Amino acid sequence: MSVPRPRRVRRARSAWLAVACAAGLVAAVPATAEAAQQQEQYTAKQVSRFLKHFYGKTGPTAWEREHLVSEDLKQRAAEAPPGFDLILCHSNQPEDIDIGPVTTAQSAGVGWATVFLGWGPGQEVAAFTAYVDLDTSNPLKLLDVDCAPPEA
């Protein structure tokens, strides 16, 4: 037969449990912050999400072109021949855009993927390579494009 414990013992036990939980949370915070600091580069998954969002289904918006493209690439795009969209590596706006698998070169600090442009069933398909800087000290941005078709 168990003897009921006085309320003081239950309260003390509850208070001790609360203190232990709080201490555990405080101890976990530095570990979480440390893990976040260790991630110095974006992952392939993060780059893939960025490129899919950036290019969307038919190309980047004016806001994305202004805020999510490196200054160097914006300058080169401004100097492109009239009618040629350097960000899309094409003169015509596609009906559909698809992003291939992302590759990251951690030592080079760059990630890239093939971007496929389509103009409908049975129509032309074009492809180029888009590059993204992996440095997490900056927001993800389109770093460069290579308009030459990627090797198969």
Protein backbone atom coordinates (compact mmCIF):
# COMPACT_ATOMS: atom_id res chain seq x y z
CA MET A 1 0.00 0.00 0.00
CA SER A 2 1.44 3.35 -0.96
CA VAL A 3 1.47 6.22 1.39
CA PRO A 4 0.32 9.54 -0.08
CA ARG A 5 3.12 12.07 -0.19
CA PRO A 6 2.62 15.46 1.33
CA ARG A 7 2.01 18.33 -1.13
CA ARG A 8 5.35 19.91 -0.25
CA VAL A 9 7.25 16.88 -1.55
CA ARG A 10 5.23 16.86 -4.81
CA ARG A 11 5.80 20.61 -5.25
CA ALA A 12 9.52 20.29 -4.57
CA ARG A 13 9.74 17.41 -7.04
CA SER A 14 7.83 19.42 -9.67
CA ALA A 15 10.06 22.44 -9.07
CA TRP A 16 13.18 20.30 -9.42
CA LEU A 17 11.84 18.80 -12.67
CA ALA A 18 11.11 22.28 -14.04
CA VAL A 19 14.64 23.47 -13.16
CA ALA A 20 16.15 20.38 -14.80
CA CYS A 21 14.14 20.94 -17.99
CA ALA A 22 15.10 24.61 -18.12
CA ALA A 23 18.76 23.72 -17.61
CA GLY A 24 18.50 21.20 -20.44
CA LEU A 25 17.04 23.84 -22.76
CA VAL A 26 19.76 26.33 -21.86
CA ALA A 27 22.41 23.66 -22.52
CA ALA A 28 20.81 22.84 -25.89
CA VAL A 29 20.81 26.45 -27.13
CA PRO A 30 24.62 26.72 -27.50
CA ALA A 31 24.70 23.37 -29.32
CA THR A 32 22.06 24.59 -31.78
CA ALA A 33 23.85 27.91 -32.30
CA GLU A 34 27.13 26.07 -32.79
CA ALA A 35 25.58 23.80 -35.41
CA ALA A 36 24.20 26.83 -37.25
CA GLN A 37 27.63 28.48 -37.26
CA GLN A 38 29.22 25.31 -38.62
CA GLN A 39 27.02 25.50 -41.73
CA GLU A 40 29.18 27.93 -43.65
CA GLN A 41 27.83 26.96 -47.07
CA TYR A 42 24.40 26.44 -48.56
CA THR A 43 23.45 22.87 -49.39
CA ALA A 44 22.45 21.45 -52.77
CA LYS A 45 18.86 21.23 -51.52
CA GLN A 46 18.84 24.92 -50.58
CA VAL A 47 20.35 25.89 -53.95
CA SER A 48 17.74 23.79 -55.77
CA ARG A 49 14.89 25.50 -53.89
CA PHE A 50 16.41 28.91 -54.64
CA LEU A 51 16.78 28.23 -58.37
CA LYS A 52 13.26 26.77 -58.65
CA HIS A 53 11.84 29.84 -56.90
CA PHE A 54 14.06 32.29 -58.80
CA TYR A 55 13.26 30.97 -62.29
CA GLY A 56 9.69 29.91 -61.53
CA LYS A 57 7.78 28.55 -64.51
CA THR A 58 8.52 31.31 -67.04
CA GLY A 59 11.45 33.31 -65.67
CA PRO A 60 12.42 35.65 -62.86
CA THR A 61 10.41 38.74 -62.02
CA ALA A 62 11.84 42.26 -62.15
CA TRP A 63 12.17 42.20 -58.33
CA GLU A 64 14.12 38.92 -58.41
CA ARG A 65 16.36 40.26 -61.16
CA GLU A 66 17.09 43.35 -59.07
CA HIS A 67 17.58 41.70 -55.66
CA LEU A 68 18.64 38.09 -56.30
CA VAL A 69 21.32 38.52 -58.99
CA SER A 70 24.98 39.39 -58.36
CA GLU A 71 26.07 42.89 -59.32
CA ASP A 72 28.54 41.52 -61.87
CA LEU A 73 25.87 39.45 -63.62
CA LYS A 74 23.43 42.39 -63.62
CA GLN A 75 26.11 44.52 -65.31
CA ARG A 76 26.79 41.85 -67.94
CA ALA A 77 23.04 41.43 -68.53
CA ALA A 78 22.72 45.17 -69.10
CA GLU A 79 25.47 44.97 -71.72
CA ALA A 80 23.93 41.98 -73.57
CA PRO A 81 22.82 42.48 -77.17
CA PRO A 82 19.35 44.04 -77.54
CA GLY A 83 16.60 41.44 -77.23
CA PHE A 84 18.86 38.83 -75.58
CA ASP A 85 18.02 37.97 -71.96
CA LEU A 86 21.31 36.88 -70.38
CA ILE A 87 19.58 35.65 -67.21
CA LEU A 88 17.57 33.20 -69.38
CA CYS A 89 20.32 32.77 -72.01
CA HIS A 90 17.70 33.23 -74.72
CA SER A 91 15.86 35.84 -76.76
CA ASN A 92 12.37 34.43 -76.14
CA GLN A 93 10.48 33.92 -72.88
CA PRO A 94 9.87 30.19 -72.35
CA GLU A 95 6.52 28.58 -71.56
CA ASP A 96 8.12 26.30 -68.97
CA ILE A 97 11.34 26.13 -66.96
CA ASP A 98 12.75 23.11 -65.18
CA ILE A 99 15.82 22.89 -62.94
CA GLY A 100 18.07 19.84 -63.12
CA PRO A 101 19.97 18.29 -60.20
CA VAL A 102 22.25 20.65 -58.28
CA THR A 103 25.95 20.00 -57.89
CA THR A 104 27.97 21.76 -55.20
CA ALA A 105 31.72 22.21 -55.07
CA GLN A 106 32.28 23.01 -51.42
CA SER A 107 35.99 23.76 -51.99
CA ALA A 108 35.12 26.28 -54.73
CA GLY A 109 32.12 27.65 -52.80
CA VAL A 110 29.84 27.35 -55.84
CA GLY A 111 26.74 25.34 -56.69
CA TRP A 112 25.24 24.90 -60.13
CA ALA A 113 22.43 23.26 -62.04
CA THR A 114 21.24 22.94 -65.60
CA VAL A 115 18.23 25.12 -66.37
CA PHE A 116 15.93 23.74 -69.09
CA LEU A 117 13.73 26.12 -71.08
CA GLY A 118 10.74 24.76 -73.00
CA TRP A 119 8.31 26.25 -75.49
CA GLY A 120 5.59 23.60 -75.51
CA PRO A 121 5.23 20.00 -76.69
CA GLY A 122 7.33 19.21 -79.73
CA GLN A 123 8.98 22.63 -79.59
CA GLU A 124 12.55 23.72 -78.98
CA VAL A 125 14.22 22.98 -75.65
CA ALA A 126 17.24 25.01 -74.58
CA ALA A 127 19.56 24.46 -71.65
CA PHE A 128 22.20 26.48 -69.82
CA THR A 129 24.01 26.35 -66.49
CA ALA A 130 23.18 28.65 -63.56
CA TYR A 131 25.69 29.22 -60.75
CA VAL A 132 25.02 30.21 -57.13
CA ASP A 133 27.47 31.31 -54.41
CA LEU A 134 27.37 28.91 -51.44
CA ASP A 135 28.62 31.37 -48.79
CA THR A 136 25.96 31.58 -46.07
CA SER A 137 27.22 34.97 -44.88
CA ASN A 138 25.25 36.37 -47.86
CA PRO A 139 21.72 35.64 -49.06
CA LEU A 140 21.46 33.23 -51.98
CA LYS A 141 21.90 35.00 -55.32
CA LEU A 142 22.36 34.00 -58.92
CA LEU A 143 26.11 34.40 -59.33
CA ASP A 144 26.61 33.61 -63.01
CA VAL A 145 25.22 31.80 -66.04
CA ASP A 146 26.94 29.85 -68.81
CA CYS A 147 24.82 29.99 -71.93
CA ALA A 148 26.73 27.22 -73.69
CA PRO A 149 24.65 24.03 -73.68
CA PRO A 150 25.89 21.71 -70.91
CA GLU A 151 27.72 18.58 -72.00
CA ALA A 152 25.58 15.47 -71.79
